Amino acid sequence: AWLFYLALLCPPLLFAIVASSQMHRSRLANDPLLARRRTARRRAMNAMSHAQTLDEPLRSEAIATALRIYIADRLGIPEGGLTGTEASKQLKTGGAAAQTIDLVQSVFVTAEQSRYAGQVSASSADLMNNAQTVIDALEQEQLT
């Protein structure tokens, strides 16, 4: 008898699962900003993993680029010309915490010093940890 009821429940359950999956795909296809936000962390983590294979000062710049990609994807803005100052402004407008914005600025300044002035005021491991901290903090925030 229970097999009969199980057989009756399977088609509606399968329909609900397929319908839910289709709605999710449709939502992502119709809202590119949502798709960018959902993949922002993964893209940044992939870029930071690649950065670990590089030598200085390219590593610092790659870490800053990964953070730039993340911020642009989360806020739905173009990543191409996003500078540290512009990223900080956009995050402030988006409602990020002041402490997080300060850390973002610090990551970008350190990366620029490493690239252009040849100064390494912090190790690339510290820079990577700071970038990871920023990403973790921004993941917890509701940015607009």
Protein backbone atom coordinates (compact mmCIF):
# COMPACT_ATOMS: atom_id res chain seq x y z
CA ALA A 1 0.00 0.00 0.00
CA TRP A 2 2.84 2.44 0.82
CA LEU A 3 4.38 1.76 -2.59
CA PHE A 4 1.15 2.93 -4.22
CA TYR A 5 1.25 6.23 -2.31
CA LEU A 6 4.90 6.68 -3.10
CA ALA A 7 4.15 6.21 -6.78
CA LEU A 8 1.43 8.86 -6.51
CA LEU A 9 3.80 11.36 -4.88
CA CYS A 10 6.72 10.98 -7.29
CA PRO A 11 5.30 12.85 -10.32
CA PRO A 12 4.25 15.98 -8.38
CA LEU A 13 7.57 16.05 -6.53
CA LEU A 14 9.55 15.70 -9.75
CA PHE A 15 7.45 18.45 -11.34
CA ALA A 16 8.10 20.76 -8.39
CA ILE A 17 11.85 20.13 -8.56
CA VAL A 18 12.03 20.72 -12.33
CA ALA A 19 9.82 23.82 -12.13
CA SER A 20 11.93 25.27 -9.34
CA SER A 21 15.12 24.63 -11.29
CA GLN A 22 13.68 26.27 -14.41
CA MET A 23 12.54 29.31 -12.45
CA HIS A 24 16.02 29.68 -10.97
CA ARG A 25 17.68 29.44 -14.40
CA SER A 26 15.20 31.89 -15.88
CA ARG A 27 15.82 34.34 -13.05
CA LEU A 28 19.58 34.18 -13.57
CA ALA A 29 19.21 34.56 -17.35
CA ASN A 30 16.92 37.58 -17.00
CA ASP A 31 18.96 39.32 -14.31
CA PRO A 32 22.67 39.52 -15.22
CA LEU A 33 23.38 41.56 -12.09
CA LEU A 34 22.10 38.72 -9.93
CA ALA A 35 24.23 36.25 -11.86
CA ARG A 36 27.32 38.45 -11.35
CA ARG A 37 26.61 38.79 -7.64
CA ARG A 38 26.19 35.04 -7.24
CA THR A 39 29.50 34.25 -8.95
CA ALA A 40 31.52 37.18 -7.54
CA ARG A 41 33.18 35.24 -4.74
CA ARG A 42 34.08 32.28 -6.94
CA ARG A 43 35.61 34.51 -9.60
CA ALA A 44 37.65 36.41 -7.01
CA MET A 45 38.86 33.22 -5.34
CA ASN A 46 39.93 31.81 -8.71
CA ALA A 47 41.81 35.03 -9.49
CA MET A 48 43.53 34.97 -6.08
CA SER A 49 44.52 31.33 -6.55
CA HIS A 50 46.12 32.32 -9.83
CA ALA A 51 47.84 35.24 -8.11
CA GLN A 52 49.64 32.84 -5.78
CA THR A 53 51.50 31.39 -8.75
CA LEU A 54 52.96 34.79 -9.74
CA ASP A 55 56.08 36.60 -8.56
CA GLU A 56 56.12 40.05 -6.97
CA PRO A 57 55.05 42.72 -7.93
CA LEU A 58 52.66 40.91 -10.27
CA ARG A 59 51.24 38.95 -7.34
CA SER A 60 50.20 42.08 -5.47
CA GLU A 61 48.61 43.53 -8.59
CA ALA A 62 46.77 40.27 -9.26
CA ILE A 63 45.41 40.26 -5.71
CA ALA A 64 44.18 43.84 -6.16
CA THR A 65 42.64 42.86 -9.50
CA ALA A 66 40.83 39.95 -7.85
CA LEU A 67 39.41 42.33 -5.25
CA ARG A 68 38.49 44.79 -7.99
CA ILE A 69 36.64 42.01 -9.84
CA TYR A 70 34.78 41.03 -6.69
CA ILE A 71 33.71 44.58 -5.82
CA ALA A 72 32.60 45.30 -9.38
CA ASP A 73 30.58 42.09 -9.56
CA ARG A 74 28.93 42.65 -6.18
CA LEU A 75 27.98 46.23 -7.03
CA GLY A 76 27.12 45.60 -10.67
CA ILE A 77 29.56 48.15 -12.06
CA PRO A 78 32.20 47.81 -14.80
CA GLU A 79 35.47 46.48 -13.43
CA GLY A 80 37.74 47.91 -16.10
CA GLY A 81 38.42 51.37 -14.74
CA LEU A 82 37.68 50.70 -11.09
CA THR A 83 40.41 52.28 -8.96
CA GLY A 84 40.88 51.92 -5.23
CA THR A 85 39.38 55.35 -4.61
CA GLU A 86 36.41 54.67 -6.87
CA ALA A 87 35.86 51.26 -5.27
CA SER A 88 35.82 52.88 -1.83
CA LYS A 89 33.31 55.49 -3.00
CA GLN A 90 31.07 52.87 -4.55
CA LEU A 91 31.23 50.70 -1.43
CA LYS A 92 30.37 53.68 0.76
CA THR A 93 27.40 54.45 -1.49
CA GLY A 94 26.44 50.77 -1.40
CA GLY A 95 26.34 50.75 2.39
CA ALA A 96 29.53 48.89 3.32
CA ALA A 97 31.00 49.27 6.80
CA ALA A 98 33.66 51.96 7.25
CA GLN A 99 36.17 49.43 8.59
CA THR A 100 35.77 47.30 5.46
CA ILE A 101 36.18 50.34 3.22
CA ASP A 102 39.39 51.27 5.04
CA LEU A 103 40.74 47.76 4.52
CA VAL A 104 39.83 47.90 0.81
CA GLN A 105 41.73 51.16 0.48
CA SER A 106 44.69 49.63 2.30
CA VAL A 107 44.82 46.63 -0.05
CA PHE A 108 44.77 48.85 -3.13
CA VAL A 109 47.40 51.26 -1.76
CA THR A 110 49.73 48.41 -0.78
CA ALA A 111 49.35 46.78 -4.19
CA GLU A 112 50.05 50.08 -5.97
CA GLN A 113 53.12 50.71 -3.82
CA SER A 114 54.41 47.26 -4.63
CA ARG A 115 53.82 47.65 -8.34
CA TYR A 116 54.87 51.22 -9.04
CA ALA A 117 57.31 52.11 -6.28
CA GLY A 118 58.78 48.67 -5.74
CA GLN A 119 57.96 48.95 -2.05
CA VAL A 120 56.75 45.86 -0.28
CA SER A 121 55.39 47.19 2.98
CA ALA A 122 53.44 44.00 3.61
CA SER A 123 54.03 40.50 2.44
CA SER A 124 51.85 39.19 -0.33
CA ALA A 125 50.47 36.68 2.20
CA ASP A 126 49.28 39.59 4.36
CA LEU A 127 47.83 41.27 1.29
CA MET A 128 46.07 38.03 0.35
CA ASN A 129 44.69 37.68 3.89
CA ASN A 130 43.45 41.28 3.88
CA ALA A 131 41.75 40.79 0.51
CA GLN A 132 40.15 37.59 1.81
CA THR A 133 38.99 39.44 4.92
CA VAL A 134 37.41 42.13 2.75
CA ILE A 135 35.62 39.56 0.62
CA ASP A 136 34.36 37.69 3.69
CA ALA A 137 33.13 40.95 5.25
CA LEU A 138 31.39 42.08 2.07
CA GLU A 139 29.75 38.67 1.68
CA GLN A 140 28.01 39.29 5.01
CA GLU A 141 26.78 42.75 4.03
CA GLN A 142 23.73 43.65 2.00
CA LEU A 143 25.14 45.99 -0.63
CA THR A 144 22.83 48.04 -2.79
